Amino acid sequence: MYIYDRAHQLAADIKQSEEFKAYKTLKDEVYADETTKSLLKQYKQAQFEAQTIIMSGQQPGEELMDKLKKVGEVLALNPKVTDFFAAEYKFNTIISDIYKIIGDACELDTGLFE
């Protein structure tokens, strides 16, 4: 059980990090507005769909890319959303780095998509 205790401690440390706190605060703020929340959901779904298509070796269609562009442009007009995306990127980088550290220690092939 020691390894699970350490994992729970790491999770607690992550939740106390400045990066997580900034991300969580901004996420709560932008998601409080239903219109912004809906646009973010549309954007993230389209982004995921495009990434899935690219990972399958294909190119996303023009319609999907136009949707991403248009919704992204609307979201970019909101400074809080821009700050949220920056905080989300910074926090996701930390999580990716942690995954890579653990993967390297376990000899997992974490660089598969680099």
N, C-alpha and C. Protein backbone atom coordinates (compact mmCIF):
# COMPACT_ATOMS: atom_id res chain seq x y z
N MET A 1 0.81 -1.22 0.00
CA MET A 1 0.00 0.00 0.00
C MET A 1 0.84 1.27 0.00
N TYR A 2 2.11 1.16 0.28
CA TYR A 2 2.99 2.32 0.33
C TYR A 2 2.95 3.12 -0.96
N ILE A 3 2.95 2.44 -2.09
CA ILE A 3 2.96 3.15 -3.38
C ILE A 3 1.67 3.96 -3.58
N TYR A 4 0.55 3.43 -3.09
CA TYR A 4 -0.71 4.17 -3.20
C TYR A 4 -0.72 5.38 -2.27
N ASP A 5 -0.11 5.22 -1.11
CA ASP A 5 0.00 6.35 -0.19
C ASP A 5 0.80 7.48 -0.84
N ARG A 6 1.88 7.12 -1.52
CA ARG A 6 2.71 8.12 -2.19
C ARG A 6 1.94 8.77 -3.34
N ALA A 7 1.14 7.98 -4.05
CA ALA A 7 0.34 8.53 -5.15
C ALA A 7 -0.69 9.53 -4.61
N HIS A 8 -1.31 9.19 -3.49
CA HIS A 8 -2.27 10.11 -2.87
C HIS A 8 -1.58 11.38 -2.39
N GLN A 9 -0.36 11.24 -1.88
CA GLN A 9 0.40 12.41 -1.44
C GLN A 9 0.75 13.29 -2.64
N LEU A 10 1.15 12.66 -3.74
CA LEU A 10 1.45 13.42 -4.96
C LEU A 10 0.21 14.17 -5.43
N ALA A 11 -0.93 13.50 -5.40
CA ALA A 11 -2.19 14.15 -5.81
C ALA A 11 -2.48 15.35 -4.91
N ALA A 12 -2.27 15.20 -3.62
CA ALA A 12 -2.49 16.32 -2.69
C ALA A 12 -1.50 17.45 -2.97
N ASP A 13 -0.25 17.11 -3.26
CA ASP A 13 0.75 18.13 -3.58
C ASP A 13 0.38 18.87 -4.86
N ILE A 14 -0.11 18.14 -5.84
CA ILE A 14 -0.53 18.78 -7.10
C ILE A 14 -1.67 19.75 -6.83
N LYS A 15 -2.63 19.34 -6.02
CA LYS A 15 -3.78 20.22 -5.72
C LYS A 15 -3.36 21.48 -4.96
N GLN A 16 -2.23 21.41 -4.28
CA GLN A 16 -1.73 22.58 -3.53
C GLN A 16 -0.79 23.45 -4.37
N SER A 17 -0.45 23.00 -5.57
CA SER A 17 0.48 23.77 -6.41
C SER A 17 -0.18 25.05 -6.91
N GLU A 18 0.66 26.06 -7.11
CA GLU A 18 0.16 27.33 -7.64
C GLU A 18 -0.44 27.16 -9.03
N GLU A 19 0.14 26.28 -9.82
CA GLU A 19 -0.36 26.04 -11.17
C GLU A 19 -1.78 25.47 -11.15
N PHE A 20 -2.01 24.52 -10.26
CA PHE A 20 -3.36 23.95 -10.17
C PHE A 20 -4.34 24.98 -9.65
N LYS A 21 -3.94 25.71 -8.62
CA LYS A 21 -4.85 26.71 -8.04
C LYS A 21 -5.24 27.76 -9.08
N ALA A 22 -4.27 28.22 -9.87
CA ALA A 22 -4.57 29.21 -10.91
C ALA A 22 -5.51 28.62 -11.95
N TYR A 23 -5.20 27.38 -12.39
CA TYR A 23 -6.05 26.69 -13.36
C TYR A 23 -7.47 26.53 -12.83
N LYS A 24 -7.61 26.06 -11.61
CA LYS A 24 -8.93 25.79 -11.02
C LYS A 24 -9.74 27.08 -10.86
N THR A 25 -9.08 28.13 -10.39
CA THR A 25 -9.76 29.41 -10.22
C THR A 25 -10.29 29.93 -11.54
N LEU A 26 -9.44 29.93 -12.55
CA LEU A 26 -9.86 30.42 -13.87
C LEU A 26 -10.92 29.51 -14.49
N LYS A 27 -10.78 28.21 -14.31
CA LYS A 27 -11.78 27.28 -14.84
C LYS A 27 -13.14 27.57 -14.21
N ASP A 28 -13.17 27.73 -12.91
CA ASP A 28 -14.43 28.03 -12.22
C ASP A 28 -15.05 29.33 -12.73
N GLU A 29 -14.20 30.33 -12.98
CA GLU A 29 -14.69 31.61 -13.46
C GLU A 29 -15.28 31.51 -14.86
N VAL A 30 -14.56 30.88 -15.78
CA VAL A 30 -15.06 30.83 -17.16
C VAL A 30 -16.24 29.87 -17.30
N TYR A 31 -16.26 28.83 -16.50
CA TYR A 31 -17.36 27.88 -16.58
C TYR A 31 -18.62 28.38 -15.87
N ALA A 32 -18.50 29.44 -15.09
CA ALA A 32 -19.67 30.01 -14.41
C ALA A 32 -20.63 30.65 -15.40
N ASP A 33 -20.11 31.12 -16.52
CA ASP A 33 -20.95 31.70 -17.57
C ASP A 33 -21.37 30.58 -18.52
N GLU A 34 -22.66 30.35 -18.62
CA GLU A 34 -23.17 29.22 -19.40
C GLU A 34 -22.82 29.31 -20.89
N THR A 35 -22.83 30.52 -21.44
CA THR A 35 -22.48 30.67 -22.85
C THR A 35 -21.02 30.30 -23.08
N THR A 36 -20.15 30.82 -22.23
CA THR A 36 -18.72 30.51 -22.36
C THR A 36 -18.48 29.02 -22.13
N LYS A 37 -19.16 28.47 -21.16
CA LYS A 37 -19.03 27.03 -20.87
C LYS A 37 -19.42 26.20 -22.09
N SER A 38 -20.52 26.58 -22.73
CA SER A 38 -20.98 25.87 -23.92
C SER A 38 -19.97 25.99 -25.07
N LEU A 39 -19.44 27.20 -25.27
CA LEU A 39 -18.45 27.41 -26.33
C LEU A 39 -17.17 26.61 -26.05
N LEU A 40 -16.74 26.59 -24.79
CA LEU A 40 -15.55 25.82 -24.43
C LEU A 40 -15.77 24.33 -24.68
N LYS A 41 -16.96 23.87 -24.35
CA LYS A 41 -17.29 22.45 -24.57
C LYS A 41 -17.25 22.13 -26.07
N GLN A 42 -17.85 22.99 -26.88
CA GLN A 42 -17.84 22.79 -28.34
C GLN A 42 -16.41 22.79 -28.87
N TYR A 43 -15.61 23.73 -28.39
CA TYR A 43 -14.24 23.87 -28.86
C TYR A 43 -13.42 22.63 -28.49
N LYS A 44 -13.54 22.19 -27.25
CA LYS A 44 -12.77 21.03 -26.79
C LYS A 44 -13.21 19.75 -27.49
N GLN A 45 -14.51 19.61 -27.76
CA GLN A 45 -15.00 18.44 -28.48
C GLN A 45 -14.46 18.43 -29.91
N ALA A 46 -14.50 19.58 -30.56
CA ALA A 46 -13.98 19.67 -31.94
C ALA A 46 -12.47 19.44 -31.96
N GLN A 47 -11.78 19.96 -30.97
CA GLN A 47 -10.34 19.78 -30.87
C GLN A 47 -10.00 18.29 -30.69
N PHE A 48 -10.74 17.62 -29.81
CA PHE A 48 -10.53 16.19 -29.58
C PHE A 48 -10.81 15.39 -30.85
N GLU A 49 -11.88 15.75 -31.52
CA GLU A 49 -12.24 15.07 -32.77
C GLU A 49 -11.14 15.24 -33.82
N ALA A 50 -10.62 16.45 -33.95
CA ALA A 50 -9.55 16.71 -34.92
C ALA A 50 -8.29 15.92 -34.55
N GLN A 51 -7.94 15.89 -33.27
CA GLN A 51 -6.76 15.15 -32.83
C GLN A 51 -6.92 13.65 -33.09
N THR A 52 -8.11 13.14 -32.87
CA THR A 52 -8.38 11.72 -33.11
C THR A 52 -8.21 11.39 -34.59
N ILE A 53 -8.72 12.25 -35.45
CA ILE A 53 -8.60 12.05 -36.90
C ILE A 53 -7.13 12.09 -37.32
N ILE A 54 -6.40 13.06 -36.80
CA ILE A 54 -4.97 13.18 -37.13
C ILE A 54 -4.20 11.94 -36.66
N MET A 55 -4.50 11.45 -35.46
CA MET A 55 -3.82 10.27 -34.93
C MET A 55 -4.12 9.02 -35.73
N SER A 56 -5.25 9.02 -36.43
CA SER A 56 -5.59 7.88 -37.27
C SER A 56 -4.94 7.98 -38.66
N GLY A 57 -4.15 9.04 -38.86
CA GLY A 57 -3.42 9.19 -40.11
C GLY A 57 -4.17 9.95 -41.19
N GLN A 58 -5.28 10.58 -40.81
CA GLN A 58 -6.07 11.33 -41.78
C GLN A 58 -5.99 12.81 -41.49
N GLN A 59 -6.58 13.60 -42.36
CA GLN A 59 -6.66 15.03 -42.17
C GLN A 59 -8.11 15.40 -41.81
N PRO A 60 -8.29 16.26 -40.80
CA PRO A 60 -9.66 16.70 -40.46
C PRO A 60 -10.27 17.46 -41.63
N GLY A 61 -11.57 17.34 -41.76
CA GLY A 61 -12.27 18.03 -42.83
C GLY A 61 -12.30 19.53 -42.64
N GLU A 62 -12.58 20.21 -43.72
CA GLU A 62 -12.62 21.68 -43.71
C GLU A 62 -13.70 22.20 -42.76
N GLU A 63 -14.83 21.52 -42.70
CA GLU A 63 -15.93 21.95 -41.82
C GLU A 63 -15.48 21.93 -40.35
N LEU A 64 -14.82 20.86 -39.95
CA LEU A 64 -14.35 20.74 -38.58
C LEU A 64 -13.30 21.81 -38.27
N MET A 65 -12.39 22.02 -39.18
CA MET A 65 -11.35 23.03 -38.96
C MET A 65 -11.94 24.44 -38.93
N ASP A 66 -12.95 24.70 -39.74
CA ASP A 66 -13.63 26.00 -39.71
C ASP A 66 -14.32 26.21 -38.37
N LYS A 67 -14.95 25.15 -37.86
CA LYS A 67 -15.64 25.24 -36.57
C LYS A 67 -14.62 25.56 -35.47
N LEU A 68 -13.50 24.86 -35.49
CA LEU A 68 -12.45 25.12 -34.50
C LEU A 68 -11.97 26.57 -34.58
N LYS A 69 -11.76 27.04 -35.78
CA LYS A 69 -11.27 28.40 -35.97
C LYS A 69 -12.28 29.43 -35.48
N LYS A 70 -13.54 29.26 -35.88
CA LYS A 70 -14.57 30.24 -35.53
C LYS A 70 -14.83 30.27 -34.03
N VAL A 71 -14.98 29.10 -33.42
CA VAL A 71 -15.23 29.06 -31.98
C VAL A 71 -14.00 29.58 -31.24
N GLY A 72 -12.82 29.23 -31.70
CA GLY A 72 -11.59 29.71 -31.10
C GLY A 72 -11.47 31.22 -31.16
N GLU A 73 -11.87 31.81 -32.27
CA GLU A 73 -11.83 33.27 -32.42
C GLU A 73 -12.79 33.95 -31.44
N VAL A 74 -13.97 33.38 -31.27
CA VAL A 74 -14.94 33.94 -30.32
C VAL A 74 -14.39 33.84 -28.90
N LEU A 75 -13.84 32.68 -28.56
CA LEU A 75 -13.30 32.49 -27.22
C LEU A 75 -12.11 33.42 -26.95
N ALA A 76 -11.31 33.67 -27.96
CA ALA A 76 -10.12 34.51 -27.80
C ALA A 76 -10.46 35.96 -27.48
N LEU A 77 -11.69 36.36 -27.75
CA LEU A 77 -12.13 37.73 -27.44
C LEU A 77 -12.30 37.93 -25.93
N ASN A 78 -12.40 36.84 -25.19
CA ASN A 78 -12.60 36.90 -23.74
C ASN A 78 -11.25 36.74 -23.05
N PRO A 79 -10.74 37.79 -22.41
CA PRO A 79 -9.43 37.70 -21.76
C PRO A 79 -9.35 36.61 -20.68
N LYS A 80 -10.46 36.37 -19.99
CA LYS A 80 -10.47 35.32 -18.96
C LYS A 80 -10.27 33.95 -19.60
N VAL A 81 -10.86 33.74 -20.77
CA VAL A 81 -10.69 32.46 -21.47
C VAL A 81 -9.24 32.31 -21.93
N THR A 82 -8.66 33.38 -22.41
CA THR A 82 -7.26 33.35 -22.83
C THR A 82 -6.37 33.00 -21.64
N ASP A 83 -6.64 33.62 -20.49
CA ASP A 83 -5.89 33.30 -19.27
C ASP A 83 -6.12 31.85 -18.86
N PHE A 84 -7.36 31.38 -18.99
CA PHE A 84 -7.69 29.99 -18.66
C PHE A 84 -6.91 29.02 -19.54
N PHE A 85 -6.88 29.27 -20.84
CA PHE A 85 -6.14 28.39 -21.76
C PHE A 85 -4.65 28.36 -21.39
N ALA A 86 -4.09 29.52 -21.04
CA ALA A 86 -2.68 29.57 -20.65
C ALA A 86 -2.44 28.77 -19.37
N ALA A 87 -3.32 28.93 -18.39
CA ALA A 87 -3.18 28.19 -17.13
C ALA A 87 -3.39 26.70 -17.34
N GLU A 88 -4.34 26.36 -18.21
CA GLU A 88 -4.60 24.95 -18.51
C GLU A 88 -3.38 24.32 -19.18
N TYR A 89 -2.78 25.05 -20.10
CA TYR A 89 -1.59 24.55 -20.79
C TYR A 89 -0.44 24.33 -19.80
N LYS A 90 -0.23 25.30 -18.94
CA LYS A 90 0.84 25.20 -17.95
C LYS A 90 0.60 24.01 -17.02
N PHE A 91 -0.63 23.84 -16.55
CA PHE A 91 -0.95 22.73 -15.65
C PHE A 91 -0.82 21.39 -16.38
N ASN A 92 -1.31 21.31 -17.60
CA ASN A 92 -1.20 20.07 -18.38
C ASN A 92 0.26 19.70 -18.65
N THR A 93 1.11 20.70 -18.80
CA THR A 93 2.54 20.44 -18.99
C THR A 93 3.12 19.75 -17.76
N ILE A 94 2.73 20.22 -16.59
CA ILE A 94 3.21 19.59 -15.35
C ILE A 94 2.73 18.14 -15.27
N ILE A 95 1.47 17.91 -15.56
CA ILE A 95 0.92 16.54 -15.51
C ILE A 95 1.63 15.66 -16.53
N SER A 96 1.88 16.17 -17.72
CA SER A 96 2.60 15.41 -18.75
C SER A 96 4.02 15.09 -18.30
N ASP A 97 4.67 16.06 -17.68
CA ASP A 97 6.03 15.83 -17.18
C ASP A 97 6.04 14.74 -16.10
N ILE A 98 5.07 14.78 -15.22
CA ILE A 98 4.98 13.75 -14.17
C ILE A 98 4.75 12.38 -14.80
N TYR A 99 3.87 12.31 -15.77
CA TYR A 99 3.61 11.04 -16.45
C TYR A 99 4.89 10.53 -17.13
N LYS A 100 5.63 11.45 -17.73
CA LYS A 100 6.88 11.07 -18.40
C LYS A 100 7.89 10.55 -17.37
N ILE A 101 8.01 11.22 -16.24
CA ILE A 101 8.94 10.78 -15.19
C ILE A 101 8.59 9.37 -14.73
N ILE A 102 7.32 9.12 -14.48
CA ILE A 102 6.88 7.80 -14.04
C ILE A 102 7.08 6.78 -15.17
N GLY A 103 6.72 7.17 -16.38
CA GLY A 103 6.88 6.28 -17.53
C GLY A 103 8.33 5.90 -17.77
N ASP A 104 9.21 6.89 -17.66
CA ASP A 104 10.64 6.61 -17.84
C ASP A 104 11.15 5.65 -16.77
N ALA A 105 10.70 5.85 -15.53
CA ALA A 105 11.14 4.98 -14.44
C ALA A 105 10.65 3.54 -14.64
N CYS A 106 9.53 3.40 -15.31
CA CYS A 106 8.95 2.07 -15.54
C CYS A 106 9.28 1.53 -16.93
N GLU A 107 10.10 2.29 -17.65
CA GLU A 107 10.52 1.93 -19.00
C GLU A 107 9.34 1.81 -19.97
N LEU A 108 8.37 2.68 -19.78
CA LEU A 108 7.25 2.77 -20.72
C LEU A 108 7.69 3.62 -21.90
N ASP A 109 7.12 3.38 -23.06
CA ASP A 109 7.43 4.17 -24.24
C ASP A 109 6.54 5.41 -24.26
N THR A 110 6.87 6.42 -23.44
CA THR A 110 6.05 7.62 -23.33
C THR A 110 6.28 8.60 -24.46
N GLY A 111 7.31 8.42 -25.26
CA GLY A 111 7.62 9.33 -26.35
C GLY A 111 7.05 8.88 -27.68
N LEU A 112 6.06 8.02 -27.65
CA LEU A 112 5.51 7.43 -28.86
C LEU A 112 5.02 8.47 -29.86
N PHE A 113 4.39 9.54 -29.38
CA PHE A 113 3.79 10.51 -30.29
C PHE A 113 4.60 11.80 -30.41
N GLU A 114 5.84 11.79 -29.94
CA GLU A 114 6.67 13.00 -30.03
C GLU A 114 7.27 13.11 -31.41
